[in-house]
C-alpha atoms as a PDB file:
ATOM      1  CA  MET A   1      59.211  20.087 -20.046  1.00  0.00           C
ATOM      2  CA  GLN A   2      59.319  16.424 -19.101  1.00  0.00           C
ATOM      3  CA  ARG A   3      57.416  17.191 -15.900  1.00  0.00           C
ATOM      4  CA  ILE A   4      54.679  18.926 -17.908  1.00  0.00           C
ATOM      5  CA  ILE A   5      54.413  15.944 -20.272  1.00  0.00           C
ATOM      6  CA  GLN A   6      54.168  13.537 -17.331  1.00  0.00           C
ATOM      7  CA  LYS A   7      51.490  15.677 -15.717  1.00  0.00           C
ATOM      8  CA  PHE A   8      49.588  15.819 -18.996  1.00  0.00           C
ATOM      9  CA  LYS A   9      49.762  12.031 -19.387  1.00  0.00           C
ATOM     10  CA  LYS A  10      48.548  11.603 -15.801  1.00  0.00           C
ATOM     11  CA  ASN A  11      45.602  13.944 -16.437  1.00  0.00           C
ATOM     12  CA  VAL A  12      44.726  12.054 -19.623  1.00  0.00           C
ATOM     13  CA  LYS A  13      44.814   8.755 -17.720  1.00  0.00           C
ATOM     14  CA  ASN A  14      42.535  10.202 -15.029  1.00  0.00           C
ATOM     15  CA  ILE A  15      40.079  11.465 -17.639  1.00  0.00           C
ATOM     16  CA  ILE A  16      40.076   8.077 -19.384  1.00  0.00           C
ATOM     17  CA  ALA A  17      39.516   6.316 -16.045  1.00  0.00           C
ATOM     18  CA  ILE A  18      36.539   8.598 -15.327  1.00  0.00           C
ATOM     19  CA  LEU A  19      35.057   7.997 -18.779  1.00  0.00           C
ATOM     20  CA  ILE A  20      35.435   4.234 -18.386  1.00  0.00           C
ATOM     21  CA  LYS A  21      33.567   4.405 -15.066  1.00  0.00           C
ATOM     22  CA  LEU A  22      30.750   6.260 -16.825  1.00  0.00           C
ATOM     23  CA  LEU A  23      30.438   3.738 -19.663  1.00  0.00           C
ATOM     24  CA  PRO A  24      27.424   1.914 -18.111  1.00  0.00           C
ATOM     25  CA  LEU A  25      25.480   5.191 -18.433  1.00  0.00           C
ATOM     26  CA  PHE A  26      26.886   6.079 -21.862  1.00  0.00           C
ATOM     27  CA  ALA A  27      25.746   2.685 -23.194  1.00  0.00           C
ATOM     28  CA  PHE A  28      22.105   3.818 -22.953  1.00  0.00           C
ATOM     29  CA  ILE A  29      22.413   7.344 -24.333  1.00  0.00           C
ATOM     30  CA  ILE A  30      22.512   6.335 -28.028  1.00  0.00           C
ATOM     31  CA  PRO A  31      19.544   3.902 -27.803  1.00  0.00           C
ATOM     32  CA  PHE A  32      17.520   6.502 -25.889  1.00  0.00           C
ATOM     33  CA  ILE A  33      18.289   9.097 -28.574  1.00  0.00           C
ATOM     34  CA  ILE A  34      17.168   6.642 -31.272  1.00  0.00           C
ATOM     35  CA  LEU A  35      13.935   5.955 -29.398  1.00  0.00           C
ATOM     36  CA  PHE A  36      13.302   9.666 -28.918  1.00  0.00           C
ATOM     37  CA  SER A  37      13.706  10.248 -32.657  1.00  0.00           C
ATOM     38  CA  LEU A  38      11.318   7.381 -33.437  1.00  0.00           C
ATOM     39  CA  TYR A  39       8.620   8.160 -30.863  1.00  0.00           C
ATOM     40  CA  PRO A  40       8.919  11.828 -29.857  1.00  0.00           C
ATOM     41  CA  LYS A  41       5.358  12.728 -28.889  1.00  0.00           C
ATOM     42  CA  SER A  42       2.726  10.421 -30.399  1.00  0.00           C
ATOM     43  CA  PHE A  43       1.013   8.599 -27.548  1.00  0.00           C
ATOM     44  CA  GLU A  44      -1.713   6.868 -29.519  1.00  0.00           C
ATOM     45  CA  GLY A  45      -0.550   3.698 -31.248  1.00  0.00           C
ATOM     46  CA  ASP A  46       3.124   3.381 -30.393  1.00  0.00           C
ATOM     47  CA  PRO A  47       4.254   4.284 -26.867  1.00  0.00           C
ATOM     48  CA  SER A  48       5.693   7.795 -26.823  1.00  0.00           C
ATOM     49  CA  TRP A  49       8.825   9.173 -25.262  1.00  0.00           C
ATOM     50  CA  GLU A  50       6.845  11.771 -23.309  1.00  0.00           C
ATOM     51  CA  GLY A  51       4.297   9.386 -21.822  1.00  0.00           C
ATOM     52  CA  SER A  52       5.087   8.650 -18.192  1.00  0.00           C
ATOM     53  CA  TRP A  53       2.479   5.876 -18.138  1.00  0.00           C
ATOM     54  CA  GLN A  54       3.076   3.235 -20.797  1.00  0.00           C
ATOM     55  CA  GLY A  55       5.741   5.512 -22.266  1.00  0.00           C
ATOM     56  CA  ARG A  56       9.481   6.091 -22.125  1.00  0.00           C
ATOM     57  CA  PHE A  57       9.758   9.119 -19.871  1.00  0.00           C
ATOM     58  CA  PHE A  58      10.875   6.844 -17.025  1.00  0.00           C
ATOM     59  CA  TYR A  59      14.149   6.234 -18.865  1.00  0.00           C
ATOM     60  CA  LEU A  60      15.201   9.745 -17.856  1.00  0.00           C
ATOM     61  CA  PHE A  61      14.325   8.921 -14.256  1.00  0.00           C
ATOM     62  CA  PHE A  62      16.391   5.724 -14.569  1.00  0.00           C
ATOM     63  CA  LEU A  63      19.425   7.717 -15.758  1.00  0.00           C
ATOM     64  CA  TRP A  64      18.985  10.115 -12.836  1.00  0.00           C
ATOM     65  CA  LEU A  65      18.855   7.248 -10.322  1.00  0.00           C
ATOM     66  CA  ALA A  66      21.824   5.446 -11.872  1.00  0.00           C
ATOM     67  CA  SER A  67      23.868   8.667 -11.921  1.00  0.00           C
ATOM     68  CA  LEU A  68      23.061   9.331  -8.271  1.00  0.00           C
ATOM     69  CA  GLU A  69      24.052   5.783  -7.296  1.00  0.00           C
ATOM     70  CA  MET A  70      27.276   6.121  -9.269  1.00  0.00           C
ATOM     71  CA  ILE A  71      28.168   9.372  -7.495  1.00  0.00           C
ATOM     72  CA  ILE A  72      27.485   7.819  -4.070  1.00  0.00           C
ATOM     73  CA  SER A  73      29.577   4.703  -4.845  1.00  0.00           C
ATOM     74  CA  TRP A  74      32.254   6.444  -6.928  1.00  0.00           C
ATOM     75  CA  GLU A  75      35.199   5.644  -4.650  1.00  0.00           C
ATOM     76  CA  LYS A  76      34.201   1.982  -4.349  1.00  0.00           C
ATOM     77  CA  LEU A  77      33.899   1.373  -8.090  1.00  0.00           C
ATOM     78  CA  THR A  78      36.941  -0.432  -9.461  1.00  0.00           C
ATOM     79  CA  ASN A  79      37.253  -1.359 -13.118  1.00  0.00           C
ATOM     80  CA  LYS A  80      37.646  -5.138 -13.498  1.00  0.00           C
ATOM     81  CA  VAL A  81      38.421  -4.887 -17.229  1.00  0.00           C
ATOM     82  CA  ASN A  82      42.189  -4.577 -16.954  1.00  0.00           C
ATOM     83  CA  ARG A  83      43.431  -5.969 -20.274  1.00  0.00           C
ATOM     84  CA  LEU A  84      41.931  -4.813 -23.576  1.00  0.00           C
ATOM     85  CA  LYS A  85      42.479  -8.161 -25.324  1.00  0.00           C
ATOM     86  CA  SER A  86      41.040 -10.314 -22.552  1.00  0.00           C
ATOM     87  CA  LYS A  87      37.784 -12.261 -22.889  1.00  0.00           C
ATOM     88  CA  ARG A  88      36.209 -10.070 -20.203  1.00  0.00           C
ATOM     89  CA  ALA A  89      37.088  -6.916 -22.156  1.00  0.00           C
ATOM     90  CA  LEU A  90      35.562  -8.304 -25.358  1.00  0.00           C
ATOM     91  CA  ALA A  91      32.416  -9.337 -23.484  1.00  0.00           C
ATOM     92  CA  PHE A  92      32.262  -5.879 -21.866  1.00  0.00           C
ATOM     93  CA  ILE A  93      32.550  -4.079 -25.222  1.00  0.00           C
ATOM     94  CA  LEU A  94      29.810  -6.299 -26.672  1.00  0.00           C
ATOM     95  CA  ALA A  95      27.586  -5.659 -23.640  1.00  0.00           C
ATOM     96  CA  LEU A  96      28.019  -1.891 -24.092  1.00  0.00           C
ATOM     97  CA  LEU A  97      26.800  -2.217 -27.690  1.00  0.00           C
ATOM     98  CA  LEU A  98      23.865  -4.511 -26.919  1.00  0.00           C
ATOM     99  CA  PRO A  99      21.329  -1.788 -25.848  1.00  0.00           C
ATOM    100  CA  THR A 100      21.847  -0.002 -29.174  1.00  0.00           C
ATOM    101  CA  ILE A 101      21.799  -3.278 -31.105  1.00  0.00           C
ATOM    102  CA  TYR A 102      18.542  -4.285 -29.436  1.00  0.00           C
ATOM    103  CA  VAL A 103      16.832  -0.975 -30.254  1.00  0.00           C
ATOM    104  CA  VAL A 104      17.953  -1.152 -33.894  1.00  0.00           C
ATOM    105  CA  VAL A 105      16.881  -4.808 -34.315  1.00  0.00           C
ATOM    106  CA  ALA A 106      13.575  -4.265 -32.496  1.00  0.00           C
ATOM    107  CA  ASN A 107      12.555  -1.140 -34.402  1.00  0.00           C
ATOM    108  CA  TYR A 108      14.155  -1.608 -37.823  1.00  0.00           C
ATOM    109  CA  TYR A 109      14.297  -5.380 -38.323  1.00  0.00           C
ATOM    110  CA  GLY A 110      10.870  -6.503 -37.136  1.00  0.00           C
ATOM    111  CA  LEU A 111      11.502  -7.795 -33.615  1.00  0.00           C
ATOM    112  CA  ASN A 112       8.790  -5.547 -32.158  1.00  0.00           C
ATOM    113  CA  THR A 113       6.352  -6.848 -34.768  1.00  0.00           C
ATOM    114  CA  ILE A 114       7.149 -10.440 -33.741  1.00  0.00           C
ATOM    115  CA  ILE A 115       6.627  -9.600 -30.036  1.00  0.00           C
ATOM    116  CA  LYS A 116       3.303  -7.911 -30.828  1.00  0.00           C
ATOM    117  CA  SER A 117       2.152 -10.873 -32.934  1.00  0.00           C
ATOM    118  CA  LEU A 118       2.987 -13.348 -30.161  1.00  0.00           C
ATOM    119  CA  ALA A 119       1.058 -11.189 -27.682  1.00  0.00           C
ATOM    120  CA  GLU A 120      -1.968 -11.117 -30.008  1.00  0.00           C
ATOM    121  CA  GLN A 121      -1.833 -14.889 -30.404  1.00  0.00           C
ATOM    122  CA  ASN A 122      -1.942 -15.203 -26.603  1.00  0.00           C
ATOM    123  CA  ASN A 123      -4.909 -12.793 -26.355  1.00  0.00           C
ATOM    124  CA  VAL A 124      -3.020 -10.056 -24.508  1.00  0.00           C
ATOM    125  CA  PHE A 125      -5.415  -7.103 -24.280  1.00  0.00           C
ATOM    126  CA  HIS A 126      -2.832  -4.383 -25.028  1.00  0.00           C
ATOM    127  CA  ALA A 127      -0.698  -6.449 -27.403  1.00  0.00           C
ATOM    128  CA  ASN A 128       0.642  -3.318 -29.118  1.00  0.00           C
ATOM    129  CA  LEU A 129       2.321  -2.274 -25.850  1.00  0.00           C
ATOM    130  CA  MET A 130       4.152  -5.561 -25.190  1.00  0.00           C
ATOM    131  CA  PRO A 131       7.262  -4.430 -27.154  1.00  0.00           C
ATOM    132  CA  LEU A 132       7.621  -1.579 -24.645  1.00  0.00           C
ATOM    133  CA  ILE A 133       7.489  -3.983 -21.692  1.00  0.00           C
ATOM    134  CA  THR A 134      10.106  -6.178 -23.351  1.00  0.00           C
ATOM    135  CA  GLU A 135      12.247  -3.082 -23.905  1.00  0.00           C
ATOM    136  CA  TYR A 136      12.193  -2.191 -20.190  1.00  0.00           C
ATOM    137  CA  MET A 137      13.065  -5.746 -19.143  1.00  0.00           C
ATOM    138  CA  VAL A 138      15.860  -6.044 -21.706  1.00  0.00           C
ATOM    139  CA  PHE A 139      17.390  -2.730 -20.606  1.00  0.00           C
ATOM    140  CA  ALA A 140      17.284  -3.809 -16.948  1.00  0.00           C
ATOM    141  CA  THR A 141      19.014  -7.102 -17.809  1.00  0.00           C
ATOM    142  CA  LEU A 142      21.664  -5.462 -19.997  1.00  0.00           C
ATOM    143  CA  PHE A 143      22.400  -2.816 -17.373  1.00  0.00           C
ATOM    144  CA  CYS A 144      23.044  -5.602 -14.846  1.00  0.00           C
ATOM    145  CA  LEU A 145      25.290  -7.392 -17.342  1.00  0.00           C
ATOM    146  CA  ILE A 146      27.358  -4.257 -18.030  1.00  0.00           C
ATOM    147  CA  LEU A 147      27.765  -3.533 -14.311  1.00  0.00           C
ATOM    148  CA  LEU A 148      28.715  -7.148 -13.628  1.00  0.00           C
ATOM    149  CA  LEU A 149      31.423  -7.160 -16.302  1.00  0.00           C
ATOM    150  CA  GLU A 150      32.921  -3.797 -15.352  1.00  0.00           C
ATOM    151  CA  TYR A 151      32.657  -3.757 -11.554  1.00  0.00           C
ATOM    152  CA  GLY A 152      32.069  -7.370 -10.531  1.00  0.00           C
ATOM    153  CA  ILE A 153      29.184  -9.004  -8.704  1.00  0.00           C
ATOM    154  CA  ASN A 154      29.978  -7.321  -5.385  1.00  0.00           C
ATOM    155  CA  ARG A 155      29.121  -3.871  -6.764  1.00  0.00           C
ATOM    156  CA  LEU A 156      25.750  -4.804  -8.274  1.00  0.00           C
ATOM    157  CA  ALA A 157      24.048  -3.867  -5.003  1.00  0.00           C
ATOM    158  CA  ASP A 158      25.312  -0.290  -5.394  1.00  0.00           C
ATOM    159  CA  PHE A 159      22.963   0.096  -8.389  1.00  0.00           C
ATOM    160  CA  SER A 160      20.027  -1.821  -6.954  1.00  0.00           C
ATOM    161  CA  ILE A 161      17.652   1.167  -7.029  1.00  0.00           C
ATOM    162  CA  SER A 162      18.024   1.923 -10.740  1.00  0.00           C
ATOM    163  CA  VAL A 163      17.938  -1.771 -11.732  1.00  0.00           C
ATOM    164  CA  PHE A 164      14.846  -2.515  -9.633  1.00  0.00           C
ATOM    165  CA  PHE A 165      13.229   0.666 -10.928  1.00  0.00           C
ATOM    166  CA  LEU A 166      13.347  -0.527 -14.543  1.00  0.00           C
ATOM    167  CA  GLY A 167      12.113  -3.952 -13.460  1.00  0.00           C
ATOM    168  CA  ILE A 168       9.182  -2.645 -11.407  1.00  0.00           C
ATOM    169  CA  ILE A 169       8.057  -0.368 -14.242  1.00  0.00           C
ATOM    170  CA  GLY A 170       8.127  -3.324 -16.627  1.00  0.00           C
ATOM    171  CA  LEU A 171       6.145  -5.424 -14.110  1.00  0.00           C
ATOM    172  CA  LEU A 172       3.490  -2.717 -13.646  1.00  0.00           C
ATOM    173  CA  TYR A 173       3.094  -2.319 -17.396  1.00  0.00           C
ATOM    174  CA  THR A 174       2.784  -6.102 -17.786  1.00  0.00           C
ATOM    175  CA  ILE A 175      -0.016  -6.320 -15.209  1.00  0.00           C
ATOM    176  CA  ASP A 176      -1.896  -3.435 -16.820  1.00  0.00           C
ATOM    177  CA  ASP A 177      -1.547  -4.863 -20.338  1.00  0.00           C
ATOM    178  CA  VAL A 178      -2.513  -8.431 -19.457  1.00  0.00           C
ATOM    179  CA  TYR A 179      -5.214  -7.453 -16.908  1.00  0.00           C
ATOM    180  CA  PRO A 180      -6.457  -4.039 -18.109  1.00  0.00           C
ATOM    181  CA  GLY A 181      -8.659  -1.669 -16.147  1.00  0.00           C
ATOM    182  CA  GLY A 182     -10.098  -3.281 -13.027  1.00  0.00           C
ATOM    183  CA  ARG A 183      -9.495  -6.934 -13.938  1.00  0.00           C
ATOM    184  CA  PHE A 184      -6.545  -7.211 -11.544  1.00  0.00           C
ATOM    185  CA  THR A 185      -8.690  -7.052  -8.415  1.00  0.00           C
ATOM    186  CA  PRO A 186      -5.911  -7.175  -5.743  1.00  0.00           C
ATOM    187  CA  LEU A 187      -4.749  -3.710  -6.833  1.00  0.00           C
ATOM    188  CA  GLN A 188      -8.196  -2.402  -7.809  1.00  0.00           C
ATOM    189  CA  MET A 189      -9.183  -2.364  -4.107  1.00  0.00           C
ATOM    190  CA  PHE A 190      -7.166   0.864  -3.694  1.00  0.00           C
ATOM    191  CA  VAL A 191      -9.392   2.733  -6.159  1.00  0.00           C
ATOM    192  CA  SER A 192     -12.487   3.393  -4.047  1.00  0.00           C
ATOM    193  CA  PRO A 193     -10.802   5.132  -1.066  1.00  0.00           C
ATOM    194  CA  THR A 194      -8.513   7.168  -3.344  1.00  0.00           C
ATOM    195  CA  ALA A 195     -11.367   8.320  -5.583  1.00  0.00           C
ATOM    196  CA  THR A 196     -13.510   9.110  -2.527  1.00  0.00           C
ATOM    197  CA  LEU A 197     -10.784  11.343  -1.096  1.00  0.00           C
ATOM    198  CA  ALA A 198     -10.428  13.093  -4.456  1.00  0.00           C
ATOM    199  CA  ALA A 199     -14.211  13.604  -4.564  1.00  0.00           C
ATOM    200  CA  ASN A 200     -14.172  15.122  -1.063  1.00  0.00           C
ATOM    201  CA  VAL A 201     -11.463  17.580  -2.102  1.00  0.00           C
ATOM    202  CA  LEU A 202     -13.438  18.523  -5.214  1.00  0.00           C
ATOM    203  CA  ASN A 203     -16.568  18.986  -3.083  1.00  0.00           C
ATOM    204  CA  LEU A 204     -14.660  21.373  -0.808  1.00  0.00           C
ATOM    205  CA  MET A 205     -13.658  23.318  -3.926  1.00  0.00           C
ATOM    206  CA  GLY A 206     -17.331  23.756  -4.863  1.00  0.00           C
ATOM    207  CA  TYR A 207     -17.713  21.000  -7.461  1.00  0.00           C
ATOM    208  CA  ILE A 208     -20.564  18.479  -7.521  1.00  0.00           C
ATOM    209  CA  THR A 209     -19.395  14.867  -7.565  1.00  0.00           C
ATOM    210  CA  ASN A 210     -21.039  11.493  -8.059  1.00  0.00           C
ATOM    211  CA  SER A 211     -19.517   8.010  -8.040  1.00  0.00           C
ATOM    212  CA  PHE A 212     -20.674   4.539  -9.037  1.00  0.00           C
ATOM    213  CA  GLN A 213     -19.271   1.150 -10.038  1.00  0.00           C
ATOM    214  CA  MET A 214     -19.888  -0.755 -13.257  1.00  0.00           C
ATOM    215  CA  THR A 215     -18.678  -4.148 -14.473  1.00  0.00           C
ATOM    216  CA  SER A 216     -17.716  -4.864 -18.085  1.00  0.00           C
ATOM    217  CA  SER A 217     -16.507  -8.048 -19.763  1.00  0.00           C
ATOM    218  CA  THR A 218     -13.240  -6.472 -20.954  1.00  0.00           C
ATOM    219  CA  LEU A 219     -12.246  -4.176 -18.069  1.00  0.00           C
ATOM    220  CA  GLY A 220     -13.827  -5.917 -15.077  1.00  0.00           C
ATOM    221  CA  GLN A 221     -15.271  -3.870 -12.231  1.00  0.00           C
ATOM    222  CA  MET A 222     -14.507  -0.187 -12.740  1.00  0.00           C
ATOM    223  CA  PHE A 223     -15.059   2.763 -10.406  1.00  0.00           C
ATOM    224  CA  TYR A 224     -16.486   5.857 -12.101  1.00  0.00           C
ATOM    225  CA  LEU A 225     -16.298   9.395 -10.763  1.00  0.00           C
ATOM    226  CA  SER A 226     -18.216  12.280 -12.363  1.00  0.00           C
ATOM    227  CA  VAL A 227     -17.568  15.943 -11.545  1.00  0.00           C
ATOM    228  CA  GLN A 228     -19.679  18.967 -12.450  1.00  0.00           C
ATOM    229  CA  ASP A 229     -19.050  22.690 -12.072  1.00  0.00           C
ATOM    230  CA  SER A 230     -21.770  23.998  -9.723  1.00  0.00           C
ATOM    231  CA  THR A 231     -21.727  27.433 -11.365  1.00  0.00           C
ATOM    232  CA  ASN A 232     -21.824  26.079 -14.919  1.00  0.00           C
ATOM    233  CA  PRO A 233     -23.550  22.676 -15.264  1.00  0.00           C
ATOM    234  CA  SER A 234     -22.365  22.351 -18.869  1.00  0.00           C
ATOM    235  CA  LYS A 235     -18.815  21.881 -17.561  1.00  0.00           C
ATOM    236  CA  PHE A 236     -18.803  18.178 -16.773  1.00  0.00           C
ATOM    237  CA  ALA A 237     -16.251  15.346 -16.687  1.00  0.00           C
ATOM    238  CA  GLN A 238     -16.576  11.629 -16.002  1.00  0.00           C
ATOM    239  CA  PHE A 239     -13.816   8.988 -16.045  1.00  0.00           C
ATOM    240  CA  ALA A 240     -13.317   5.381 -15.048  1.00  0.00           C
ATOM    241  CA  ILE A 241     -10.524   5.041 -12.478  1.00  0.00           C
ATOM    242  CA  ALA A 242      -8.277   1.975 -12.562  1.00  0.00           C
ATOM    243  CA  TRP A 243      -5.562   0.950 -10.116  1.00  0.00           C
ATOM    244  CA  PRO A 244      -2.651   2.712 -11.911  1.00  0.00           C
ATOM    245  CA  CYS A 245      -4.527   6.014 -11.486  1.00  0.00           C
ATOM    246  CA  ALA A 246      -5.339   5.275  -7.844  1.00  0.00           C
ATOM    247  CA  GLY A 247      -1.771   5.670  -6.620  1.00  0.00           C
ATOM    248  CA  VAL A 248      -0.672   2.021  -6.754  1.00  0.00           C
ATOM    249  CA  GLU A 249       1.920   2.772  -9.413  1.00  0.00           C
ATOM    250  CA  SER A 250       3.458   5.688  -7.512  1.00  0.00           C
ATOM    251  CA  LEU A 251       3.350   3.802  -4.173  1.00  0.00           C
ATOM    252  CA  LEU A 252       5.166   0.800  -5.655  1.00  0.00           C
ATOM    253  CA  ILE A 253       7.805   3.014  -7.263  1.00  0.00           C
ATOM    254  CA  TYR A 254       8.132   4.940  -3.998  1.00  0.00           C
ATOM    255  CA  THR A 255       8.452   1.748  -1.948  1.00  0.00           C
ATOM    256  CA  VAL A 256      11.209   0.269  -4.113  1.00  0.00           C
ATOM    257  CA  THR A 257      13.112   3.559  -4.298  1.00  0.00           C
ATOM    258  CA  ILE A 258      12.928   4.576  -0.649  1.00  0.00           C
ATOM    259  CA  LEU A 259      13.557   1.108   0.826  1.00  0.00           C
ATOM    260  CA  LEU A 260      16.689   0.643  -1.266  1.00  0.00           C
ATOM    261  CA  PHE A 261      17.782   4.188  -0.420  1.00  0.00           C
ATOM    262  CA  LEU A 262      17.244   3.729   3.342  1.00  0.00           C
ATOM    263  CA  LYS A 263      19.021   0.366   3.185  1.00  0.00           C
ATOM    264  CA  LYS A 264      22.192   2.161   2.086  1.00  0.00           C
ATOM    265  CA  THR A 265      22.100   4.656   4.955  1.00  0.00           C
ATOM    266  CA  ALA A 266      23.198   4.382   8.579  1.00  0.00           C
ATOM    267  CA  ILE A 267      19.929   5.853   9.845  1.00  0.00           C
ATOM    268  CA  PRO A 268      18.540   4.040  12.944  1.00  0.00           C
ATOM    269  CA  LEU A 269      15.743   1.555  12.245  1.00  0.00           C
ATOM    270  CA  TRP A 270      12.962   3.461  14.022  1.00  0.00           C
ATOM    271  CA  GLN A 271      13.842   6.597  12.041  1.00  0.00           C
ATOM    272  CA  ARG A 272      13.811   4.627   8.778  1.00  0.00           C
ATOM    273  CA  ILE A 273      10.308   3.385   9.589  1.00  0.00           C
ATOM    274  CA  THR A 274       9.216   6.961  10.338  1.00  0.00           C
ATOM    275  CA  TYR A 275      10.737   8.309   7.129  1.00  0.00           C
ATOM    276  CA  PHE A 276       9.065   5.540   5.111  1.00  0.00           C
ATOM    277  CA  ALA A 277       5.642   6.112   6.678  1.00  0.00           C
ATOM    278  CA  ILE A 278       5.786   9.887   6.175  1.00  0.00           C
ATOM    279  CA  GLY A 279       6.908   9.532   2.569  1.00  0.00           C
ATOM    280  CA  ALA A 280       4.263   6.898   1.766  1.00  0.00           C
ATOM    281  CA  THR A 281       1.519   9.110   3.214  1.00  0.00           C
ATOM    282  CA  VAL A 282       2.669  12.120   1.206  1.00  0.00           C
ATOM    283  CA  THR A 283       2.982   9.980  -1.951  1.00  0.00           C
ATOM    284  CA  TYR A 284      -0.595   8.767  -1.529  1.00  0.00           C
ATOM    285  CA  PHE A 285      -2.033  12.264  -1.053  1.00  0.00           C
ATOM    286  CA  VAL A 286       0.050  13.643  -3.917  1.00  0.00           C
ATOM    287  CA  ASN A 287      -1.724  11.134  -6.141  1.00  0.00           C
ATOM    288  CA  VAL A 288      -5.100  12.274  -4.788  1.00  0.00           C
ATOM    289  CA  LEU A 289      -4.075  15.790  -5.798  1.00  0.00           C
ATOM    290  CA  ARG A 290      -3.198  14.454  -9.270  1.00  0.00           C
ATOM    291  CA  ILE A 291      -6.706  12.993  -9.694  1.00  0.00           C
ATOM    292  CA  VAL A 292      -8.245  16.286  -8.564  1.00  0.00           C
ATOM    293  CA  SER A 293      -6.088  18.137 -11.098  1.00  0.00           C
ATOM    294  CA  ILE A 294      -7.138  15.792 -13.923  1.00  0.00           C
ATOM    295  CA  TYR A 295     -10.807  16.596 -13.331  1.00  0.00           C
ATOM    296  CA  ILE A 296     -10.177  20.333 -13.097  1.00  0.00           C
ATOM    297  CA  VAL A 297      -8.241  20.212 -16.369  1.00  0.00           C
ATOM    298  CA  ALA A 298     -10.999  18.079 -17.973  1.00  0.00           C
ATOM    299  CA  ILE A 299     -13.739  20.506 -16.965  1.00  0.00           C
ATOM    300  CA  ASN A 300     -11.872  23.550 -18.238  1.00  0.00           C
ATOM    301  CA  SER A 301      -9.884  22.215 -21.225  1.00  0.00           C
ATOM    302  CA  SER A 302     -10.097  20.156 -24.396  1.00  0.00           C
ATOM    303  CA  ALA A 303      -9.889  16.356 -24.613  1.00  0.00           C
ATOM    304  CA  SER A 304      -6.375  16.482 -26.081  1.00  0.00           C
ATOM    305  CA  GLU A 305      -5.121  18.582 -23.173  1.00  0.00           C
ATOM    306  CA  VAL A 306      -6.687  16.144 -20.709  1.00  0.00           C
ATOM    307  CA  THR A 307      -4.920  13.226 -22.420  1.00  0.00           C
ATOM    308  CA  ARG A 308      -1.620  15.110 -22.367  1.00  0.00           C
ATOM    309  CA  PHE A 309      -1.986  15.952 -18.679  1.00  0.00           C
ATOM    310  CA  HIS A 310      -3.051  12.399 -17.749  1.00  0.00           C
ATOM    311  CA  ASN A 311      -0.247  10.680 -19.653  1.00  0.00           C
ATOM    312  CA  ILE A 312       2.606  13.143 -19.182  1.00  0.00           C
ATOM    313  CA  TYR A 313       2.322  15.950 -16.654  1.00  0.00           C
ATOM    314  CA  GLY A 314       0.058  14.396 -14.020  1.00  0.00           C
ATOM    315  CA  PRO A 315       2.411  11.526 -13.129  1.00  0.00           C
ATOM    316  CA  LEU A 316       5.191  14.086 -12.639  1.00  0.00           C
ATOM    317  CA  TYR A 317       3.469  15.049  -9.357  1.00  0.00           C
ATOM    318  CA  SER A 318       4.444  11.747  -7.746  1.00  0.00           C
ATOM    319  CA  ILE A 319       7.728  11.301  -9.593  1.00  0.00           C
ATOM    320  CA  SER A 320       8.946  14.774  -8.584  1.00  0.00           C
ATOM    321  CA  TRP A 321       8.142  14.012  -4.958  1.00  0.00           C
ATOM    322  CA  ILE A 322       9.780  10.569  -5.059  1.00  0.00           C
ATOM    323  CA  MET A 323      12.922  12.079  -6.613  1.00  0.00           C
ATOM    324  CA  ALA A 324      13.033  14.900  -4.076  1.00  0.00           C
ATOM    325  CA  TYR A 325      12.288  12.944  -0.897  1.00  0.00           C
ATOM    326  CA  PRO A 326      15.677  11.169  -0.508  1.00  0.00           C
ATOM    327  CA  LEU A 327      17.383  14.537  -1.030  1.00  0.00           C
ATOM    328  CA  ILE A 328      15.079  16.075   1.603  1.00  0.00           C
ATOM    329  CA  ILE A 329      16.041  13.313   4.052  1.00  0.00           C
ATOM    330  CA  VAL A 330      19.770  13.818   3.448  1.00  0.00           C
ATOM    331  CA  GLY A 331      19.498  17.627   3.592  1.00  0.00           C
ATOM    332  CA  SER A 332      17.328  17.715   6.708  1.00  0.00           C
ATOM    333  CA  ARG A 333      19.633  15.328   8.581  1.00  0.00           C
ATOM    334  CA  ALA A 334      22.690  17.368   7.600  1.00  0.00           C
ATOM    335  CA  LEU A 335      20.968  20.571   8.743  1.00  0.00           C
ATOM    336  CA  TRP A 336      19.867  18.989  12.022  1.00  0.00           C
ATOM    337  CA  GLY A 337      23.414  17.732  12.599  1.00  0.00           C
ATOM    338  CA  LYS A 338      24.795  21.255  12.214  1.00  0.00           C
ATOM    339  CA  ILE A 339      22.154  22.698  14.557  1.00  0.00           C
ATOM    340  CA  ARG A 340      22.872  20.041  17.187  1.00  0.00           C
ATOM    341  CA  ASN A 341      26.632  20.621  16.958  1.00  0.00           C
ATOM    342  CA  ARG A 342      26.146  24.352  17.486  1.00  0.00           C
ATOM    343  CA  LYS A 343      24.016  23.695  20.557  1.00  0.00           C
ATOM    344  CA  ASN A 344      26.674  21.395  21.983  1.00  0.00           C
END
């Protein structure tokens, strides 16, 4: 009987140790649930949960990345919070509560309104979206703080992908909100070749395309692409294409994700360069396919369906590929290793 009790206590201790290791992820579940209840689907006005551009869908991607990094580094992670009544333990408990506290204060006690007002005073074009940018940056900072308190500074690098991911999304949103449309010219240079490739694909599919550039005082120089169904001229779509739609967003996310992933592997340098180049090429052409799909949806569907596809489902093309590519690399190398061993 005593042996059973000891075994039970040991199992309980192991379960508690596992749960404590998972606390950095658990700290964001409640705030994400609150945000989902507040902004479930409405894209216009407040940023939605579903929107994967200027929305909160990327939080799910962040949890996936953080979970994957935790699994990879599981054996290395050692809890530094040893005594419950220590200053470190109290700071750790407070840090775990901070994401939820921030969401409650921001959404129920007027902090988001203050952030929006400050943005309006500074003539930020998309002032209503600045609370979302702040949210991403705050979550990235708090995640670092929680990791630092629980695992120590030496283990921060193990979660570099997920931390940098939140930061890069916040940076991209900031650029787009402060310099909307084509006003940020260094990134707008990617638009013309991407749109031209998309037009060529649409031409091969039998559509009639036309492109031109126009400059406005608010959006800067914008590239416009119009597409018409050759069999039914009444089916027509025309959109302005800015740098986020031209693949810059997905390429930046890809670059951060894959470089940090390859850095953690023992793959030879020349193979890393090859993997990066192949993945970047595929990421770019996946975005071209996304633009093609937007026009096909626009020609054959309603405006609301086009908005839904543009803001939610279209970006999943690139995100799905970026999520899958590291797994493809790991799987293909494992398969090749087995084949080579059998040959030997």
